[in-house]
Protein backbone atom coordinates (compact mmCIF):
# COMPACT_ATOMS: atom_id res chain seq x y z
CA MET A 1 0.00 0.00 0.00
CA ALA A 2 1.05 3.56 -0.61
CA GLU A 3 2.70 5.34 2.27
CA ASN A 4 0.93 8.59 3.24
CA THR A 5 -0.02 10.20 -0.08
CA CYS A 6 1.38 10.12 -3.60
CA ALA A 7 0.16 10.71 -7.16
CA CYS A 8 -1.27 7.95 -9.37
CA SER A 9 0.87 7.41 -12.46
CA VAL A 10 -2.27 6.90 -14.60
CA CYS A 11 -4.73 9.64 -13.57
CA GLU A 12 -2.11 11.79 -11.79
CA LYS A 13 -4.51 12.29 -8.90
CA THR A 14 -3.57 11.92 -5.25
CA ILE A 15 -3.75 8.45 -3.71
CA TYR A 16 -5.01 8.55 -0.13
CA ASP A 17 -3.75 5.70 1.99
CA LYS A 18 -5.44 6.55 5.29
CA GLY A 19 -8.62 8.12 6.58
CA LYS A 20 -12.07 8.22 5.05
CA LYS A 21 -10.66 8.89 1.61
CA SER A 22 -8.47 5.79 1.75
CA GLN A 23 -8.23 4.12 -1.67
CA ASP A 24 -6.96 0.77 -2.89
CA SER A 25 -3.60 1.20 -4.61
CA VAL A 26 -0.88 -1.04 -5.96
CA PHE A 27 2.79 -0.55 -6.70
CA CYS A 28 4.25 -1.64 -10.05
CA GLU A 29 7.61 -3.35 -9.61
CA GLY A 30 8.45 -3.19 -13.33
CA THR A 31 10.35 -0.48 -15.17
CA CYS A 32 7.96 2.32 -14.22
CA GLN A 33 8.27 1.78 -10.41
CA ALA A 34 5.11 3.79 -9.67
CA TRP A 35 1.97 3.68 -7.54
CA MET A 36 -1.49 3.68 -9.14
CA HIS A 37 -5.14 3.31 -8.20
CA ARG A 38 -6.56 -0.19 -8.36
CA ILE A 39 -9.30 1.07 -10.64
CA CYS A 40 -6.85 2.99 -12.86
CA CYS A 41 -4.75 -0.09 -13.52
CA GLY A 42 -7.89 -2.17 -14.23
CA LEU A 43 -7.59 -4.60 -11.30
CA PRO A 44 -10.87 -6.12 -10.04
CA LYS A 45 -11.24 -6.50 -6.27
CA GLU A 46 -10.73 -10.28 -6.45
CA ALA A 47 -7.53 -9.90 -8.41
CA PHE A 48 -6.39 -7.13 -6.07
CA LYS A 49 -6.88 -9.42 -3.07
CA LYS A 50 -4.94 -12.21 -4.78
CA VAL A 51 -2.06 -9.84 -5.42
CA GLN A 52 -2.03 -8.96 -1.71
CA ASP A 53 -2.38 -12.57 -0.52
CA LEU A 54 0.19 -14.12 -2.85
CA ASN A 55 2.71 -11.38 -2.15
CA GLU A 56 4.01 -11.61 -5.74
CA PRO A 57 5.51 -8.69 -7.69
CA TYR A 58 2.88 -6.82 -9.66
CA LEU A 59 3.43 -5.48 -13.17
CA CYS A 60 1.21 -2.95 -14.86
CA ASN A 61 0.00 -3.54 -18.41
CA TYR A 62 2.83 -1.53 -19.94
CA CYS A 63 5.58 -3.19 -17.88
CA PHE A 64 4.02 -6.62 -18.47
CA ARG A 65 4.18 -6.11 -22.25
CA GLU A 66 7.78 -4.90 -22.04
CA ASP A 67 8.77 -7.84 -19.88
CA HIS A 68 7.05 -10.26 -22.26
CA LYS A 69 8.76 -8.59 -25.24
CA ASN A 70 12.19 -8.93 -23.62
CA LYS A 71 11.56 -12.60 -22.90
CA LEU A 72 10.54 -13.18 -26.53
CA GLU A 73 13.69 -11.44 -27.78
CA GLY A 74 15.78 -13.64 -25.50
CA GLN A 75 14.05 -16.76 -26.78
CA LYS A 76 14.60 -15.64 -30.40
CA GLN A 77 18.31 -15.20 -29.73
CA GLU A 78 18.49 -18.65 -28.16
CA ILE A 79 16.71 -20.14 -31.19
CA THR A 80 19.16 -18.37 -33.52
CA LEU A 81 22.13 -19.73 -31.57
CA LEU A 82 20.62 -23.21 -31.62
CA LYS A 83 20.09 -23.03 -35.39
CA ALA A 84 23.69 -21.95 -35.90
CA ARG A 85 24.85 -24.79 -33.65
CA ILE A 86 22.76 -27.29 -35.62
CA CYS A 87 24.26 -26.04 -38.90
CA GLN A 88 27.73 -26.37 -37.37
CA LEU A 89 27.05 -29.94 -36.27
CA GLU A 90 25.60 -30.82 -39.68
CA SER A 91 28.70 -29.47 -41.39
CA MET A 92 30.88 -31.68 -39.18
CA VAL A 93 29.07 -34.85 -40.25
CA VAL A 94 31.38 -36.62 -42.67
CA PRO A 95 30.51 -39.71 -44.73
CA VAL A 96 32.94 -42.37 -43.51
CA SER A 97 31.77 -45.38 -45.52
CA GLY A 98 34.43 -44.87 -48.21
CA PRO A 99 37.45 -44.52 -45.86
CA LEU A 100 36.24 -47.42 -43.69
CA ASP A 101 35.88 -49.67 -46.74
CA SER A 102 39.41 -48.81 -47.85
CA ILE A 103 40.75 -49.53 -44.36
CA GLN A 104 39.01 -52.88 -44.30
CA LYS A 105 40.42 -53.81 -47.74
CA ASN A 106 43.94 -52.80 -46.73
CA GLN A 107 43.88 -54.89 -43.58
CA THR A 108 46.94 -57.16 -43.58
CA THR A 109 46.58 -60.96 -43.65
CA PRO A 110 49.09 -61.78 -40.84
CA TYR A 111 47.31 -59.50 -38.40
CA ALA A 112 43.91 -60.96 -39.32
CA GLN A 113 45.33 -64.47 -38.90
CA THR A 114 46.70 -63.70 -35.44
CA VAL A 115 43.34 -62.36 -34.32
CA LYS A 116 41.62 -65.45 -35.68
CA ASN A 117 43.98 -67.76 -33.80
CA HIS A 118 43.60 -65.71 -30.59
CA THR A 119 47.33 -65.22 -30.40
CA ARG A 120 49.30 -62.15 -29.59
CA PRO A 121 50.15 -60.05 -32.67
CA SER A 122 53.69 -60.24 -33.93
CA SER A 123 56.11 -57.54 -32.85
CA ASN A 124 57.09 -57.02 -36.49
CA HIS A 125 54.24 -54.51 -36.93
CA THR A 126 55.88 -51.10 -37.06
CA ARG A 127 54.31 -47.77 -36.29
CA SER A 128 54.80 -46.63 -39.86
CA SER A 129 52.09 -49.05 -41.02
CA TYR A 130 49.53 -47.18 -38.91
CA GLN A 131 50.57 -43.64 -39.81
CA GLY A 132 48.05 -41.38 -41.45
CA ASN A 133 44.38 -40.99 -40.67
CA PRO A 134 42.31 -40.88 -43.88
CA ILE A 135 39.14 -40.09 -41.96
CA SER A 136 40.60 -37.01 -40.19
CA THR A 137 42.22 -35.77 -43.41
CA HIS A 138 38.95 -36.16 -45.26
CA SER A 139 37.17 -34.33 -42.44
CA GLN A 140 39.62 -31.41 -42.57
CA ASN A 141 39.30 -31.06 -46.34
CA TYR A 142 35.51 -31.24 -46.03
CA GLU A 143 35.48 -28.56 -43.32
CA ARG A 144 37.57 -26.20 -45.47
CA ARG A 145 34.66 -26.00 -47.93
CA PHE A 146 32.90 -23.76 -45.39
CA ASN A 147 35.91 -21.47 -44.77
CA MET A 148 37.48 -18.44 -46.40
CA VAL A 149 40.40 -16.18 -45.51
CA ILE A 150 40.07 -12.37 -45.56
CA ARG A 151 43.17 -10.18 -45.75
CA GLY A 152 43.31 -6.47 -44.92
CA LEU A 153 40.63 -6.07 -42.22
CA GLU A 154 41.69 -3.71 -39.44
CA GLU A 155 42.36 -5.37 -36.10
CA SER A 156 41.46 -4.19 -32.59
CA SER A 157 44.24 -2.77 -30.47
CA GLN A 158 46.03 -4.92 -27.91
CA GLY A 159 44.26 -5.12 -24.57
CA THR A 160 40.75 -4.92 -26.02
CA PRO A 161 38.39 -7.38 -24.23
CA ARG A 162 37.79 -10.58 -26.19
CA SER A 163 34.03 -10.03 -26.45
CA HIS A 164 34.63 -6.59 -28.00
CA ARG A 165 37.24 -7.98 -30.41
CA VAL A 166 34.92 -10.76 -31.55
CA LYS A 167 32.04 -8.33 -32.13
CA TYR A 168 34.35 -5.90 -33.96
CA ASP A 169 35.67 -8.63 -36.28
CA ASN A 170 32.16 -9.97 -36.94
CA ASP A 171 30.92 -6.49 -37.89
CA LEU A 172 33.87 -5.96 -40.26
CA VAL A 173 33.36 -9.37 -41.88
CA LEU A 174 29.64 -8.79 -42.36
CA ALA A 175 30.29 -5.34 -43.89
CA ALA A 176 32.84 -6.81 -46.32
CA LEU A 177 30.71 -9.80 -47.32
CA THR A 178 27.57 -7.74 -47.90
CA LYS A 179 29.51 -5.67 -50.45
CA VAL A 180 30.12 -8.89 -52.36
CA ASP A 181 26.71 -10.50 -51.78
CA PRO A 182 23.96 -8.27 -50.27
CA SER A 183 21.86 -11.35 -49.39
CA ILE A 184 24.32 -12.39 -46.64
CA THR A 185 22.93 -12.03 -43.11
CA PRO A 186 24.59 -12.34 -39.67
CA HIS A 187 23.19 -15.88 -39.42
CA CYS A 188 25.37 -16.94 -42.38
CA VAL A 189 28.58 -16.36 -40.40
CA ARG A 190 29.45 -19.13 -37.97
CA ASP A 191 32.76 -17.94 -36.52
CA CYS A 192 35.73 -15.59 -37.08
CA THR A 193 39.29 -16.28 -35.92
CA ARG A 194 42.51 -14.27 -36.30
CA LEU A 195 45.46 -16.32 -37.59
CA GLY A 196 48.98 -16.02 -36.23
CA LYS A 197 50.53 -14.00 -33.45
CA TYR A 198 49.46 -10.41 -32.76
CA THR A 199 51.74 -7.60 -33.96
CA GLU A 200 51.00 -3.88 -33.83
CA SER A 201 52.45 -3.14 -37.26
CA LYS A 202 50.40 -5.67 -39.26
CA ASN A 203 46.80 -6.85 -39.33
CA ARG A 204 46.48 -10.62 -39.08
CA LEU A 205 44.52 -12.72 -41.53
CA LEU A 206 40.94 -13.52 -40.56
CA LEU A 207 39.61 -17.06 -40.94
CA VAL A 208 35.85 -16.88 -41.53
CA LYS A 209 33.62 -19.95 -41.18
CA LEU A 210 30.21 -19.85 -42.84
CA ASN A 211 27.24 -22.14 -42.37
CA SER A 212 26.90 -23.03 -46.05
CA SER A 213 29.49 -24.04 -48.65
CA SER A 214 27.28 -22.56 -51.37
CA THR A 215 27.61 -19.14 -49.71
CA VAL A 216 31.40 -19.53 -49.80
CA THR A 217 31.25 -20.38 -53.51
CA ALA A 218 29.03 -17.37 -54.22
CA VAL A 219 31.37 -14.99 -52.36
CA LEU A 220 34.54 -16.32 -54.02
CA SER A 221 32.97 -16.10 -57.48
CA SER A 222 31.89 -12.47 -56.87
CA LYS A 223 34.96 -11.19 -54.99
CA LYS A 224 35.77 -8.85 -57.91
CA ALA A 225 33.27 -6.49 -56.30
CA LEU A 226 36.06 -5.62 -53.85
CA ALA A 227 38.33 -4.39 -56.65
CA THR A 228 37.91 -0.80 -55.47
CA LEU A 229 39.22 -1.75 -52.03
CA HIS A 230 42.85 -2.53 -52.85
CA HIS A 231 43.74 -3.37 -49.24
CA LEU A 232 41.05 -6.07 -48.99
CA SER A 233 41.12 -9.56 -50.51
CA ILE A 234 39.20 -12.81 -50.03
CA GLN A 235 40.78 -16.20 -50.67
CA PRO A 236 39.68 -19.82 -50.13
CA ASP A 237 40.99 -21.77 -47.14
CA LEU A 238 43.68 -23.98 -48.71
CA SER A 239 45.46 -26.99 -47.24
CA PRO A 240 49.22 -26.68 -46.54
CA GLU A 241 50.00 -28.62 -49.74
CA ASP A 242 47.78 -26.38 -51.88
CA ARG A 243 49.22 -23.25 -50.26
CA LYS A 244 52.74 -24.39 -51.16
CA LYS A 245 51.69 -25.02 -54.77
CA LEU A 246 50.02 -21.61 -54.97
CA SER A 247 53.15 -19.95 -53.57
CA ILE A 248 55.28 -21.56 -56.29
CA LEU A 249 52.86 -20.42 -59.01
CA LEU A 250 52.70 -16.87 -57.64
CA LYS A 251 56.50 -16.62 -57.64
CA GLU A 252 56.59 -17.76 -61.27
CA ARG A 253 53.88 -15.26 -62.15
CA ARG A 254 55.88 -12.49 -60.51
CA LYS A 255 58.89 -13.42 -62.67
CA LEU A 256 56.79 -13.16 -65.82
CA ILE A 257 55.40 -9.77 -64.78
CA ASP A 258 58.92 -8.49 -64.03
CA GLU A 259 59.96 -9.62 -67.52
CA GLY A 260 57.22 -7.44 -69.04
CA THR A 261 54.28 -9.84 -69.38
CA ILE A 262 50.88 -8.22 -68.91
CA ARG A 263 49.23 -9.31 -65.69
CA LYS A 264 45.88 -10.00 -67.38
CA ASP A 265 47.50 -12.57 -69.68
CA ILE A 266 48.52 -14.73 -66.70
CA LYS A 267 46.00 -16.96 -64.95
CA ILE A 268 46.29 -19.63 -62.28
CA LYS A 269 44.00 -22.64 -62.40
CA GLY A 270 44.64 -25.33 -59.81
CA ASN A 271 48.32 -26.24 -60.06
CA ILE A 272 48.62 -24.95 -63.65
CA LEU A 273 49.91 -21.57 -64.85
CA ILE A 274 48.20 -20.36 -68.04
CA LEU A 275 49.78 -17.72 -70.28
CA LYS A 276 47.66 -16.12 -73.01
CA GLY A 277 45.17 -18.97 -72.92
CA GLU A 278 47.79 -21.73 -73.24
CA LYS A 279 49.38 -23.93 -70.61
CA TYR A 280 52.71 -22.40 -69.63
CA GLY A 281 53.69 -24.86 -66.88
CA TYR A 282 52.63 -26.53 -63.68
CA THR A 283 53.91 -27.40 -60.21
CA ASP A 284 54.23 -30.76 -58.50
CA GLY A 285 54.39 -29.18 -55.06
CA GLU A 286 58.19 -28.97 -55.02
CA SER A 287 59.17 -26.91 -58.08
CA PHE A 288 57.78 -25.26 -61.20
CA ILE A 289 57.94 -27.29 -64.43
CA LEU A 290 57.65 -25.61 -67.83
CA GLU A 291 55.32 -27.17 -70.38
CA GLY A 292 57.34 -29.60 -72.52
CA ALA A 293 60.37 -29.52 -70.25
CA GLU A 294 59.57 -32.91 -68.74
CA ASN A 295 59.27 -34.55 -72.17
CA GLU A 296 62.61 -33.03 -73.20
CA ARG A 297 64.27 -34.42 -70.10
CA LYS A 298 62.84 -37.88 -70.80
CA GLY A 299 64.10 -37.74 -74.41
CA GLU A 300 67.58 -36.68 -73.29
CA ALA A 301 67.64 -39.49 -70.74
CA GLN A 302 66.74 -42.03 -73.40
CA ASN A 303 69.37 -40.73 -75.85
CA SER A 304 72.10 -40.67 -73.23
CA SER A 305 71.43 -44.23 -71.96
CA PRO A 306 74.06 -46.83 -73.13
CA PRO A 307 72.95 -49.54 -75.63
CA GLU A 308 71.80 -52.79 -74.13
CA SER A 309 74.55 -55.45 -74.08
CA ASN A 310 73.89 -59.05 -75.03
CA PRO A 311 73.82 -61.15 -71.84
CA ASN A 312 75.18 -64.20 -73.71
CA PRO A 313 77.51 -63.11 -76.50
CA SER A 314 78.63 -66.71 -77.27
CA CYS A 315 75.14 -67.48 -78.57
CA THR A 316 75.27 -64.67 -81.10
CA PRO A 317 76.52 -65.77 -84.51
CA HIS A 318 79.16 -63.63 -86.21
CA SER A 319 79.97 -63.60 -89.90
CA GLY A 320 83.07 -65.62 -90.87
CA VAL A 321 83.31 -67.31 -87.44
CA SER A 322 82.23 -70.86 -86.83
CA THR A 323 79.79 -71.52 -84.06
CA THR A 324 81.32 -74.96 -83.32
CA ASP A 325 82.64 -75.37 -79.81
CA THR A 326 86.45 -75.38 -80.13
CA SER A 327 87.17 -76.07 -76.49
CA THR A 328 87.29 -79.83 -77.15
CA PRO A 329 89.68 -81.33 -79.74
CA LEU A 330 88.06 -82.89 -82.77
CA SER A 331 89.79 -86.22 -82.20
CA GLN A 332 88.19 -86.56 -78.76
CA LYS A 333 84.76 -85.81 -80.17
CA ASN A 334 85.05 -88.57 -82.66
């Protein structure tokens, strides 16, 4: 009940708490934090008594709607997070029937025999026979389909709280991606991670994970929209082997440009370098090989190899020489 007298927040008239003019009043414990007449807030006497008996916090109509709205917004955010989590889990599901079949086919006979005979496996099995995990490698390559790397986005200063850095990076990524594809929404971005160690003089690369591989394909195919922003570039998330191949091709392209070749005439497709629409060379992951150079090396190797010698020269007839065995005298043969 109101103490002494105060004004009703609805009718702005005085609320009398004592005396003959005493009136039923109720205090709203929501955002307004105000007293009001029972009649002004639309409470029947029965409901008013229940509020007094239950001793529960009372909310006016306005505060009740605001509280309900806030709860709905919280539930919507939880649903959005759950959807993103479901998409993340779906992207991590990898078909393993193929790798498992290959493992089963490659299973060695001695090991299978030892298991069948319930004997201890031989100590001849080395660790090298178990190296490599085709399932994890396949999973990593599959996961890269949802990733891209963005270069040139400004980084928060050192000492910035992690939550602020994450929000700052997400906002920059969303602004950059919407320039490429306006249909991209915040729900399309799963995560953003800076790569490497922090340095004040250089912005680190940003690894962006999306919820759909088709969105990644659409962005990479339309990244020319960032041509006006020379400091910004978007590249696919390559494996270490593919990055090494790309580095070799880029070095070779730089040599051609320094020699006077027009940049537009040079294109990179996979592990192949194309010059003016024709294959110029390729890389095997270790070095760059010019087109036709390998065939020339094979031809030189064949020309420089010595002629094959006859393993049994005594069996080869020669002109003017008898093939009769002369090791035994003729008289003994007769």
